């Protein structure tokens, strides 16, 4: 059963199963809660939670969308008492200050149950690239591009169930077909990772 709260999640059927989506779902960087609202409608047995740094967006999520479980905070600082079965991180990590990146990664990991799914979406580059934010060029605001799924995959704890790199312009349509060539400034990725802990280790 697909998550289907974004058009491109429809392509993740093999990785997203009903047991996960009947549990607790957290979106980090949930904006005004539009994606969580759709998730709640499609999966009424799931509990949906969100984290968002923008106070105005948090108010909209709580008061206009009726989502009570919204915490106004950042990826490195949010806290919930119980872990989650699915964590979504859509286009979050490229905003995170490099001094806070590993704390953010550890925080998401600490909030995901063993066997849970982590869905990472972000801009992509083969290496590491820093860009001044184009809408605030008069201010010292930077974004950082890399394949953020590798931070979770490389230690061996999160095998990748699905990984796609494609043109960002095709993200909104959910079109994951190949559209070469992908311009470096317009590449995006989505990955579904499963928290298996030591399952990949041989004896």
N, C-alpha and C. Protein backbone atom coordinates (compact mmCIF):
# COMPACT_ATOMS: atom_id res chain seq x y z
N UNK A 1 0.85 -1.20 0.00
CA UNK A 1 0.00 0.00 0.00
C UNK A 1 0.88 1.23 0.00
N UNK A 2 0.74 2.10 -0.99
CA UNK A 2 1.60 3.27 -1.06
C UNK A 2 1.21 4.34 -0.06
N UNK A 3 2.18 5.16 0.29
CA UNK A 3 1.88 6.27 1.18
C UNK A 3 1.00 7.29 0.48
N UNK A 4 1.31 7.62 -0.77
CA UNK A 4 0.44 8.42 -1.63
C UNK A 4 -0.02 9.72 -1.01
N UNK A 5 0.83 10.36 -0.25
CA UNK A 5 0.51 11.68 0.25
C UNK A 5 1.30 12.73 -0.52
N UNK A 6 2.16 12.30 -1.38
CA UNK A 6 2.85 13.09 -2.38
C UNK A 6 2.74 12.24 -3.65
N UNK A 7 2.65 12.84 -4.83
CA UNK A 7 2.51 12.00 -6.02
C UNK A 7 3.62 10.97 -6.17
N UNK A 8 4.86 11.35 -5.83
CA UNK A 8 5.97 10.43 -6.05
C UNK A 8 6.01 9.28 -5.06
N UNK A 9 5.31 9.37 -3.93
CA UNK A 9 5.28 8.24 -3.01
C UNK A 9 4.52 7.05 -3.59
N UNK A 10 3.69 7.29 -4.62
CA UNK A 10 2.98 6.18 -5.25
C UNK A 10 3.95 5.14 -5.81
N UNK A 11 5.17 5.57 -6.11
CA UNK A 11 6.14 4.65 -6.71
C UNK A 11 6.83 3.78 -5.66
N UNK A 12 6.49 3.92 -4.39
CA UNK A 12 7.22 3.22 -3.34
C UNK A 12 6.48 2.00 -2.81
N UNK A 13 5.54 1.48 -3.57
CA UNK A 13 4.73 0.35 -3.12
C UNK A 13 5.54 -0.81 -2.56
N UNK A 14 6.63 -1.24 -3.22
CA UNK A 14 7.34 -2.41 -2.71
C UNK A 14 7.95 -2.20 -1.32
N UNK A 15 8.24 -0.96 -0.97
CA UNK A 15 8.94 -0.70 0.28
C UNK A 15 8.02 -0.33 1.43
N UNK A 16 6.89 0.29 1.13
CA UNK A 16 6.00 0.76 2.18
C UNK A 16 4.85 -0.22 2.37
N UNK A 17 4.83 -0.87 3.52
CA UNK A 17 3.80 -1.86 3.78
C UNK A 17 2.79 -1.39 4.82
N UNK A 18 1.65 -2.05 4.85
CA UNK A 18 0.57 -1.68 5.76
C UNK A 18 0.98 -1.67 7.22
N UNK A 19 1.77 -2.64 7.73
CA UNK A 19 2.12 -2.59 9.16
C UNK A 19 2.78 -1.29 9.57
N UNK A 20 3.65 -0.75 8.74
CA UNK A 20 4.30 0.51 9.07
C UNK A 20 3.28 1.66 9.09
N UNK A 21 2.40 1.66 8.11
CA UNK A 21 1.51 2.79 7.94
C UNK A 21 0.29 2.73 8.85
N UNK A 22 0.15 1.66 9.60
CA UNK A 22 -0.90 1.58 10.61
C UNK A 22 -0.37 2.03 11.96
N UNK A 23 0.89 2.39 12.02
CA UNK A 23 1.51 2.77 13.28
C UNK A 23 1.66 4.27 13.43
N UNK A 24 2.84 4.69 13.85
CA UNK A 24 3.12 6.09 14.12
C UNK A 24 4.00 6.66 13.01
N UNK A 25 3.56 7.76 12.42
CA UNK A 25 4.28 8.39 11.31
C UNK A 25 4.70 9.79 11.74
N UNK A 26 5.98 10.10 11.54
CA UNK A 26 6.52 11.42 11.86
C UNK A 26 7.05 12.06 10.58
N UNK A 27 6.68 13.31 10.35
CA UNK A 27 7.29 14.08 9.28
C UNK A 27 8.12 15.20 9.87
N UNK A 28 9.40 15.21 9.55
CA UNK A 28 10.31 16.27 9.99
C UNK A 28 10.37 17.31 8.88
N UNK A 29 10.05 18.54 9.22
CA UNK A 29 9.92 19.58 8.21
C UNK A 29 8.56 19.50 7.54
N UNK A 30 7.50 19.50 8.36
CA UNK A 30 6.16 19.20 7.85
C UNK A 30 5.43 20.41 7.29
N UNK A 31 6.05 21.59 7.29
CA UNK A 31 5.41 22.80 6.78
C UNK A 31 4.09 23.01 7.52
N UNK A 32 3.01 23.27 6.78
CA UNK A 32 1.73 23.54 7.45
C UNK A 32 0.89 22.28 7.62
N UNK A 33 1.53 21.11 7.43
CA UNK A 33 0.86 19.84 7.70
C UNK A 33 0.04 19.28 6.57
N UNK A 34 0.19 19.81 5.34
CA UNK A 34 -0.65 19.33 4.24
C UNK A 34 -0.42 17.86 3.94
N UNK A 35 0.84 17.42 4.02
CA UNK A 35 1.13 16.02 3.73
C UNK A 35 0.59 15.11 4.84
N UNK A 36 0.73 15.54 6.09
CA UNK A 36 0.23 14.75 7.21
C UNK A 36 -1.29 14.68 7.19
N UNK A 37 -1.93 15.75 6.78
CA UNK A 37 -3.39 15.75 6.68
C UNK A 37 -3.86 14.69 5.69
N UNK A 38 -3.19 14.59 4.58
CA UNK A 38 -3.55 13.59 3.57
C UNK A 38 -3.21 12.19 4.06
N UNK A 39 -2.11 12.04 4.80
CA UNK A 39 -1.75 10.73 5.35
C UNK A 39 -2.80 10.27 6.35
N UNK A 40 -3.28 11.19 7.18
CA UNK A 40 -4.30 10.85 8.18
C UNK A 40 -5.60 10.41 7.51
N UNK A 41 -5.95 11.08 6.42
CA UNK A 41 -7.17 10.72 5.71
C UNK A 41 -7.06 9.34 5.06
N UNK A 42 -5.90 9.05 4.51
CA UNK A 42 -5.73 7.78 3.80
C UNK A 42 -5.51 6.62 4.76
N UNK A 43 -4.85 6.88 5.89
CA UNK A 43 -4.54 5.83 6.86
C UNK A 43 -5.10 6.22 8.22
N UNK A 44 -6.40 6.08 8.43
CA UNK A 44 -7.04 6.57 9.65
C UNK A 44 -6.57 5.86 10.92
N UNK A 45 -5.99 4.66 10.78
CA UNK A 45 -5.51 3.96 11.97
C UNK A 45 -4.13 4.42 12.41
N UNK A 46 -3.46 5.21 11.56
CA UNK A 46 -2.11 5.70 11.90
C UNK A 46 -2.20 6.95 12.77
N UNK A 47 -1.19 7.14 13.61
CA UNK A 47 -1.03 8.37 14.35
C UNK A 47 0.01 9.22 13.63
N UNK A 48 -0.32 10.47 13.33
CA UNK A 48 0.60 11.32 12.58
C UNK A 48 1.11 12.45 13.46
N UNK A 49 2.40 12.70 13.32
CA UNK A 49 3.09 13.73 14.10
C UNK A 49 3.95 14.55 13.15
N UNK A 50 4.25 15.78 13.54
CA UNK A 50 5.08 16.62 12.70
C UNK A 50 6.00 17.52 13.49
N UNK A 51 7.11 17.88 12.85
CA UNK A 51 8.07 18.85 13.40
C UNK A 51 8.29 19.92 12.34
N UNK A 52 8.24 21.16 12.74
CA UNK A 52 8.38 22.26 11.79
C UNK A 52 8.97 23.47 12.51
N UNK A 53 10.04 24.07 11.97
CA UNK A 53 10.64 25.23 12.64
C UNK A 53 9.84 26.51 12.52
N UNK A 54 8.99 26.64 11.51
CA UNK A 54 8.23 27.87 11.31
C UNK A 54 7.01 27.93 12.21
N UNK A 55 6.96 28.91 13.10
CA UNK A 55 5.85 29.00 14.05
C UNK A 55 4.52 29.22 13.34
N UNK A 56 4.49 30.07 12.31
CA UNK A 56 3.24 30.32 11.60
C UNK A 56 2.70 29.04 10.96
N UNK A 57 3.59 28.23 10.39
CA UNK A 57 3.17 26.98 9.78
C UNK A 57 2.64 26.01 10.82
N UNK A 58 3.26 25.98 12.00
CA UNK A 58 2.78 25.12 13.08
C UNK A 58 1.36 25.50 13.49
N UNK A 59 1.09 26.79 13.55
CA UNK A 59 -0.25 27.26 13.92
C UNK A 59 -1.28 26.80 12.89
N UNK A 60 -0.94 26.91 11.61
CA UNK A 60 -1.85 26.45 10.56
C UNK A 60 -2.11 24.95 10.68
N UNK A 61 -1.05 24.19 10.91
CA UNK A 61 -1.20 22.73 11.02
C UNK A 61 -2.12 22.36 12.17
N UNK A 62 -1.94 23.03 13.31
CA UNK A 62 -2.75 22.69 14.48
C UNK A 62 -4.18 23.21 14.37
N UNK A 63 -4.32 24.49 14.00
CA UNK A 63 -5.62 25.14 14.10
C UNK A 63 -6.48 24.98 12.85
N UNK A 64 -5.88 25.00 11.68
CA UNK A 64 -6.66 24.92 10.46
C UNK A 64 -6.77 23.49 9.92
N UNK A 65 -5.74 22.69 10.15
CA UNK A 65 -5.77 21.32 9.65
C UNK A 65 -6.13 20.32 10.75
N UNK A 66 -6.23 20.79 11.98
CA UNK A 66 -6.65 19.90 13.06
C UNK A 66 -5.64 18.83 13.40
N UNK A 67 -4.36 19.18 13.33
CA UNK A 67 -3.28 18.23 13.65
C UNK A 67 -2.68 18.62 15.00
N UNK A 68 -3.07 17.96 16.07
CA UNK A 68 -2.61 18.38 17.40
C UNK A 68 -1.16 18.02 17.70
N UNK A 69 -0.63 17.01 17.02
CA UNK A 69 0.70 16.49 17.37
C UNK A 69 1.81 17.15 16.56
N UNK A 70 1.82 18.47 16.55
CA UNK A 70 2.83 19.23 15.82
C UNK A 70 3.74 19.93 16.81
N UNK A 71 5.03 19.68 16.69
CA UNK A 71 6.02 20.33 17.55
C UNK A 71 6.78 21.37 16.74
N UNK A 72 6.87 22.57 17.27
CA UNK A 72 7.62 23.62 16.61
C UNK A 72 9.08 23.48 17.04
N UNK A 73 9.92 22.97 16.14
CA UNK A 73 11.31 22.72 16.48
C UNK A 73 12.11 22.37 15.25
N UNK A 74 13.33 21.95 15.45
CA UNK A 74 14.25 21.64 14.37
C UNK A 74 14.65 20.17 14.41
N UNK A 75 15.30 19.72 13.34
CA UNK A 75 15.65 18.30 13.22
C UNK A 75 16.57 17.83 14.34
N UNK A 76 17.39 18.72 14.86
CA UNK A 76 18.33 18.31 15.91
C UNK A 76 17.77 18.44 17.31
N UNK A 77 16.60 19.11 17.47
CA UNK A 77 16.14 19.43 18.82
C UNK A 77 14.80 18.82 19.21
N UNK A 78 14.03 18.28 18.26
CA UNK A 78 12.70 17.79 18.64
C UNK A 78 12.80 16.56 19.54
N UNK A 79 11.76 16.39 20.36
CA UNK A 79 11.71 15.25 21.28
C UNK A 79 10.28 14.74 21.36
N UNK A 80 10.13 13.41 21.22
CA UNK A 80 8.85 12.75 21.46
C UNK A 80 9.09 11.58 22.40
N UNK A 81 8.10 11.26 23.20
CA UNK A 81 8.27 10.24 24.24
C UNK A 81 8.38 8.84 23.66
N UNK A 82 7.68 8.58 22.54
CA UNK A 82 7.69 7.25 21.94
C UNK A 82 8.25 7.31 20.52
N UNK A 83 8.91 6.24 20.08
CA UNK A 83 9.49 6.24 18.72
C UNK A 83 8.42 6.00 17.66
N UNK A 84 8.86 6.05 16.39
CA UNK A 84 7.95 6.00 15.26
C UNK A 84 8.25 4.81 14.36
N UNK A 85 7.21 4.41 13.60
CA UNK A 85 7.36 3.32 12.63
C UNK A 85 7.85 3.82 11.28
N UNK A 86 7.50 5.06 10.94
CA UNK A 86 7.94 5.69 9.69
C UNK A 86 8.33 7.13 10.00
N UNK A 87 9.48 7.55 9.48
CA UNK A 87 9.88 8.96 9.57
C UNK A 87 10.11 9.46 8.16
N UNK A 88 9.48 10.58 7.83
CA UNK A 88 9.67 11.25 6.55
C UNK A 88 10.56 12.46 6.76
N UNK A 89 11.54 12.63 5.88
CA UNK A 89 12.42 13.80 5.94
C UNK A 89 12.51 14.40 4.54
N UNK A 90 11.46 15.13 4.11
CA UNK A 90 11.43 15.66 2.74
C UNK A 90 12.14 17.01 2.62
N UNK A 91 13.25 17.01 1.92
CA UNK A 91 13.99 18.24 1.63
C UNK A 91 14.29 19.03 2.91
N UNK A 92 14.84 18.31 3.88
CA UNK A 92 15.17 18.89 5.19
C UNK A 92 16.67 19.09 5.34
N UNK A 93 17.46 18.06 5.04
CA UNK A 93 18.86 18.07 5.43
C UNK A 93 19.68 19.14 4.72
N UNK A 94 19.29 19.55 3.52
CA UNK A 94 20.10 20.57 2.83
C UNK A 94 20.02 21.92 3.55
N UNK A 95 19.02 22.11 4.42
CA UNK A 95 18.90 23.34 5.20
C UNK A 95 19.71 23.31 6.48
N UNK A 96 20.08 22.12 6.95
CA UNK A 96 20.66 21.98 8.28
C UNK A 96 22.08 22.51 8.31
N UNK A 97 22.35 23.38 9.28
CA UNK A 97 23.71 23.88 9.48
C UNK A 97 24.66 22.70 9.70
N UNK A 98 25.84 22.77 9.12
CA UNK A 98 26.77 21.65 9.22
C UNK A 98 27.14 21.33 10.67
N UNK A 99 27.11 22.30 11.55
CA UNK A 99 27.41 22.04 12.96
C UNK A 99 26.32 21.22 13.62
N UNK A 100 25.12 21.20 13.01
CA UNK A 100 23.99 20.48 13.60
C UNK A 100 23.64 19.21 12.84
N UNK A 101 24.37 18.90 11.77
CA UNK A 101 23.97 17.80 10.89
C UNK A 101 23.99 16.46 11.60
N UNK A 102 25.09 16.11 12.25
CA UNK A 102 25.16 14.79 12.89
C UNK A 102 24.21 14.68 14.07
N UNK A 103 23.96 15.79 14.77
CA UNK A 103 22.96 15.75 15.84
C UNK A 103 21.58 15.49 15.25
N UNK A 104 21.31 16.08 14.08
CA UNK A 104 20.02 15.86 13.42
C UNK A 104 19.86 14.41 12.99
N UNK A 105 20.92 13.86 12.40
CA UNK A 105 20.90 12.46 11.97
C UNK A 105 20.66 11.54 13.17
N UNK A 106 21.39 11.78 14.25
CA UNK A 106 21.24 10.96 15.45
C UNK A 106 19.86 11.10 16.06
N UNK A 107 19.29 12.29 15.99
CA UNK A 107 17.98 12.51 16.58
C UNK A 107 16.91 11.75 15.81
N UNK A 108 16.97 11.80 14.47
CA UNK A 108 16.01 11.01 13.70
C UNK A 108 16.17 9.53 13.99
N UNK A 109 17.41 9.06 14.02
CA UNK A 109 17.65 7.64 14.30
C UNK A 109 17.10 7.23 15.65
N UNK A 110 17.26 8.09 16.66
CA UNK A 110 16.79 7.74 18.01
C UNK A 110 15.27 7.69 18.11
N UNK A 111 14.58 8.30 17.15
CA UNK A 111 13.12 8.32 17.19
C UNK A 111 12.50 7.26 16.28
N UNK A 112 13.30 6.39 15.66
CA UNK A 112 12.78 5.36 14.76
C UNK A 112 12.95 3.98 15.38
N UNK A 113 11.89 3.19 15.38
CA UNK A 113 11.96 1.85 15.97
C UNK A 113 12.83 0.94 15.10
N UNK A 114 13.47 -0.08 15.67
CA UNK A 114 14.13 -1.10 14.85
C UNK A 114 13.12 -1.74 13.90
N UNK A 115 13.49 -1.83 12.64
CA UNK A 115 12.58 -2.32 11.62
C UNK A 115 11.75 -1.23 10.98
N UNK A 116 11.87 0.00 11.49
CA UNK A 116 11.11 1.11 10.95
C UNK A 116 11.71 1.62 9.64
N UNK A 117 10.94 2.46 8.95
CA UNK A 117 11.35 2.99 7.65
C UNK A 117 11.67 4.47 7.76
N UNK A 118 12.75 4.87 7.12
CA UNK A 118 13.14 6.27 7.00
C UNK A 118 13.11 6.63 5.53
N UNK A 119 12.33 7.66 5.19
CA UNK A 119 12.23 8.11 3.80
C UNK A 119 12.91 9.46 3.69
N UNK A 120 13.99 9.51 2.94
CA UNK A 120 14.79 10.72 2.78
C UNK A 120 14.61 11.24 1.36
N UNK A 121 14.24 12.50 1.23
CA UNK A 121 14.19 13.18 -0.06
C UNK A 121 15.03 14.44 0.05
N UNK A 122 15.78 14.74 -1.00
CA UNK A 122 16.55 15.97 -0.97
C UNK A 122 17.18 16.21 -2.33
N UNK A 123 17.79 17.39 -2.47
CA UNK A 123 18.58 17.66 -3.65
C UNK A 123 19.81 16.75 -3.64
N UNK A 124 20.35 16.49 -4.80
CA UNK A 124 21.42 15.50 -4.91
C UNK A 124 22.58 16.04 -5.73
N UNK A 125 23.77 15.65 -5.34
CA UNK A 125 24.97 15.87 -6.13
C UNK A 125 25.90 14.70 -5.86
N UNK A 126 26.72 14.29 -6.82
CA UNK A 126 27.61 13.15 -6.59
C UNK A 126 28.59 13.37 -5.44
N UNK A 127 28.98 14.59 -5.20
CA UNK A 127 29.91 14.88 -4.12
C UNK A 127 29.25 15.74 -3.05
N UNK A 128 29.88 16.87 -2.77
CA UNK A 128 29.38 17.79 -1.76
C UNK A 128 29.40 19.20 -2.36
N UNK A 129 28.27 19.89 -2.25
CA UNK A 129 28.17 21.20 -2.87
C UNK A 129 27.42 22.16 -1.96
N UNK A 130 27.95 23.37 -1.85
CA UNK A 130 27.33 24.42 -1.05
C UNK A 130 26.81 25.50 -1.98
N UNK A 131 25.57 25.94 -1.76
CA UNK A 131 24.96 26.96 -2.59
C UNK A 131 24.38 28.08 -1.73
N UNK A 132 24.62 29.31 -2.14
CA UNK A 132 23.95 30.42 -1.48
C UNK A 132 22.47 30.39 -1.86
N UNK A 133 21.59 30.53 -0.87
CA UNK A 133 20.17 30.46 -1.12
C UNK A 133 19.75 31.61 -2.04
N UNK A 134 19.19 31.25 -3.21
CA UNK A 134 18.99 32.24 -4.28
C UNK A 134 17.94 33.30 -3.93
N UNK A 135 17.04 32.98 -3.01
CA UNK A 135 16.00 33.95 -2.68
C UNK A 135 16.45 34.93 -1.59
N UNK A 136 17.61 34.68 -0.99
CA UNK A 136 18.14 35.57 0.04
C UNK A 136 19.62 35.82 -0.22
N UNK A 137 19.95 36.23 -1.43
CA UNK A 137 21.36 36.36 -1.80
C UNK A 137 22.07 37.50 -1.08
N UNK A 138 21.31 38.42 -0.52
CA UNK A 138 21.94 39.51 0.24
C UNK A 138 22.24 39.10 1.67
N UNK A 139 21.83 37.90 2.06
CA UNK A 139 22.08 37.40 3.40
C UNK A 139 22.98 36.17 3.34
N UNK A 140 23.58 35.86 4.45
CA UNK A 140 24.52 34.73 4.50
C UNK A 140 23.77 33.43 4.79
N UNK A 141 22.97 33.00 3.81
CA UNK A 141 22.17 31.79 3.95
C UNK A 141 22.62 30.79 2.89
N UNK A 142 23.02 29.60 3.34
CA UNK A 142 23.55 28.57 2.44
C UNK A 142 22.74 27.28 2.54
N UNK A 143 22.71 26.54 1.45
CA UNK A 143 22.16 25.20 1.46
C UNK A 143 23.26 24.23 1.02
N UNK A 144 23.09 22.96 1.38
CA UNK A 144 24.16 21.98 1.19
C UNK A 144 23.61 20.73 0.50
N UNK A 145 24.22 20.39 -0.62
CA UNK A 145 23.74 19.25 -1.40
C UNK A 145 24.70 18.07 -1.28
N UNK A 146 24.12 16.91 -1.09
CA UNK A 146 24.85 15.65 -1.12
C UNK A 146 23.80 14.55 -1.09
N UNK A 147 24.23 13.28 -1.20
CA UNK A 147 23.29 12.17 -1.07
C UNK A 147 23.16 11.85 0.41
N UNK A 148 22.12 12.39 1.05
CA UNK A 148 21.98 12.25 2.50
C UNK A 148 21.62 10.84 2.93
N UNK A 149 21.14 10.01 2.03
CA UNK A 149 20.85 8.63 2.42
C UNK A 149 22.12 7.90 2.82
N UNK A 150 23.27 8.29 2.25
CA UNK A 150 24.52 7.58 2.53
C UNK A 150 24.97 7.73 3.98
N UNK A 151 24.58 8.82 4.64
CA UNK A 151 24.93 8.98 6.05
C UNK A 151 24.33 7.86 6.88
N UNK A 152 23.16 7.40 6.48
CA UNK A 152 22.49 6.32 7.21
C UNK A 152 22.92 4.95 6.70
N UNK A 153 23.18 4.84 5.40
CA UNK A 153 23.48 3.54 4.80
C UNK A 153 24.89 3.07 5.10
N UNK A 154 25.87 3.96 5.03
CA UNK A 154 27.28 3.56 5.12
C UNK A 154 27.65 2.84 6.41
N UNK A 155 27.11 3.18 7.58
CA UNK A 155 27.46 2.43 8.79
C UNK A 155 26.93 1.00 8.80
N UNK A 156 26.07 0.62 7.85
CA UNK A 156 25.56 -0.74 7.79
C UNK A 156 24.26 -0.95 8.52
N UNK A 157 23.71 0.07 9.13
CA UNK A 157 22.52 -0.07 9.97
C UNK A 157 21.24 0.11 9.17
N UNK A 158 21.30 0.87 8.08
CA UNK A 158 20.13 1.20 7.28
C UNK A 158 20.32 0.74 5.84
N UNK A 159 19.98 -0.50 5.48
CA UNK A 159 20.02 -0.87 4.07
C UNK A 159 18.97 -0.11 3.28
N UNK A 160 19.29 0.15 2.02
CA UNK A 160 18.40 0.90 1.15
C UNK A 160 17.44 -0.06 0.45
N UNK A 161 16.13 0.21 0.59
CA UNK A 161 15.12 -0.58 -0.10
C UNK A 161 14.75 0.02 -1.44
N UNK A 162 14.99 1.30 -1.59
CA UNK A 162 14.64 2.01 -2.82
C UNK A 162 15.48 3.27 -2.89
N UNK A 163 16.00 3.56 -4.09
CA UNK A 163 16.82 4.77 -4.25
C UNK A 163 16.67 5.25 -5.68
N UNK A 164 16.34 6.53 -5.86
CA UNK A 164 16.17 7.08 -7.19
C UNK A 164 16.78 8.47 -7.25
N UNK A 165 17.52 8.74 -8.33
CA UNK A 165 18.07 10.07 -8.60
C UNK A 165 17.50 10.52 -9.94
N UNK A 166 16.92 11.71 -9.97
CA UNK A 166 16.27 12.17 -11.17
C UNK A 166 16.14 13.69 -11.14
N UNK A 167 15.60 14.21 -12.21
CA UNK A 167 15.44 15.66 -12.33
C UNK A 167 14.38 16.15 -11.36
N UNK A 168 14.68 17.21 -10.63
CA UNK A 168 13.75 17.75 -9.65
C UNK A 168 12.42 18.15 -10.28
N UNK A 169 12.43 18.58 -11.52
CA UNK A 169 11.20 19.01 -12.17
C UNK A 169 10.20 17.88 -12.29
N UNK A 170 10.66 16.62 -12.22
CA UNK A 170 9.77 15.48 -12.33
C UNK A 170 9.34 14.97 -10.96
N UNK A 171 9.82 15.59 -9.89
CA UNK A 171 9.45 15.15 -8.55
C UNK A 171 7.97 15.34 -8.31
N UNK A 172 7.44 16.51 -8.67
CA UNK A 172 6.06 16.82 -8.33
C UNK A 172 5.07 15.90 -9.03
N UNK A 173 5.44 15.40 -10.19
CA UNK A 173 4.53 14.51 -10.92
C UNK A 173 4.68 13.07 -10.47
N UNK A 174 5.71 12.77 -9.68
CA UNK A 174 5.96 11.40 -9.28
C UNK A 174 6.56 10.57 -10.40
N UNK A 175 7.08 11.24 -11.42
CA UNK A 175 7.64 10.54 -12.57
C UNK A 175 9.07 10.14 -12.28
N UNK A 176 9.30 8.87 -11.99
CA UNK A 176 10.62 8.39 -11.65
C UNK A 176 11.33 7.74 -12.83
N UNK A 177 10.78 7.90 -14.02
CA UNK A 177 11.45 7.35 -15.18
C UNK A 177 12.72 8.16 -15.47
N UNK A 178 13.59 7.57 -16.26
CA UNK A 178 14.85 8.22 -16.57
C UNK A 178 14.63 9.41 -17.50
N UNK A 179 15.22 10.54 -17.13
CA UNK A 179 15.13 11.73 -17.96
C UNK A 179 16.53 12.32 -18.15
N UNK A 180 17.45 11.59 -18.81
CA UNK A 180 18.81 12.09 -18.97
C UNK A 180 18.86 13.23 -19.97
N UNK A 181 19.85 14.10 -19.86
CA UNK A 181 20.75 14.17 -18.71
C UNK A 181 20.14 14.99 -17.57
N UNK A 182 20.51 14.65 -16.35
CA UNK A 182 20.04 15.39 -15.19
C UNK A 182 21.05 16.48 -14.87
N UNK A 183 20.61 17.71 -14.93
CA UNK A 183 21.51 18.83 -14.63
C UNK A 183 21.91 18.79 -13.16
N UNK A 184 23.21 18.97 -12.85
CA UNK A 184 23.65 18.89 -11.46
C UNK A 184 22.90 19.83 -10.53
N UNK A 185 22.53 21.00 -11.01
CA UNK A 185 21.82 21.96 -10.17
C UNK A 185 20.36 21.61 -9.98
N UNK A 186 19.88 20.59 -10.69
CA UNK A 186 18.45 20.27 -10.63
C UNK A 186 18.20 18.81 -10.28
N UNK A 187 19.22 18.13 -9.77
CA UNK A 187 19.07 16.72 -9.43
C UNK A 187 18.46 16.57 -8.03
N UNK A 188 17.61 15.56 -7.90
CA UNK A 188 16.97 15.26 -6.62
C UNK A 188 17.02 13.76 -6.39
N UNK A 189 16.88 13.35 -5.14
CA UNK A 189 16.89 11.94 -4.81
C UNK A 189 15.79 11.62 -3.81
N UNK A 190 15.38 10.37 -3.82
CA UNK A 190 14.49 9.84 -2.80
C UNK A 190 14.97 8.44 -2.45
N UNK A 191 15.00 8.12 -1.17
CA UNK A 191 15.47 6.82 -0.71
C UNK A 191 14.58 6.33 0.42
N UNK A 192 14.30 5.03 0.40
CA UNK A 192 13.59 4.38 1.50
C UNK A 192 14.59 3.47 2.19
N UNK A 193 14.82 3.70 3.46
CA UNK A 193 15.80 2.95 4.24
C UNK A 193 15.10 2.22 5.38
N UNK A 194 15.58 1.02 5.68
CA UNK A 194 15.01 0.25 6.78
C UNK A 194 16.05 0.12 7.89
N UNK A 195 15.65 0.43 9.10
CA UNK A 195 16.55 0.36 10.24
C UNK A 195 16.65 -1.09 10.72
N UNK A 196 17.72 -1.76 10.31
CA UNK A 196 17.88 -3.18 10.63
C UNK A 196 18.91 -3.45 11.71
N UNK A 197 19.61 -2.41 12.16
CA UNK A 197 20.67 -2.56 13.17
C UNK A 197 21.74 -3.52 12.69
N UNK A 198 21.85 -4.73 13.26
CA UNK A 198 22.98 -5.61 12.92
C UNK A 198 22.60 -6.70 11.93
N UNK A 199 21.48 -6.57 11.24
CA UNK A 199 21.01 -7.64 10.36
C UNK A 199 21.94 -7.87 9.17
N UNK A 200 22.74 -6.86 8.79
CA UNK A 200 23.61 -7.02 7.62
C UNK A 200 24.96 -7.60 7.98
N UNK A 201 25.23 -7.81 9.25
CA UNK A 201 26.53 -8.31 9.68
C UNK A 201 26.58 -9.83 9.61
N UNK A 202 27.63 -10.34 8.98
CA UNK A 202 27.81 -11.79 8.90
C UNK A 202 28.48 -12.32 10.16
N UNK A 203 28.31 -13.60 10.42
CA UNK A 203 28.93 -14.23 11.61
C UNK A 203 29.85 -15.35 11.16
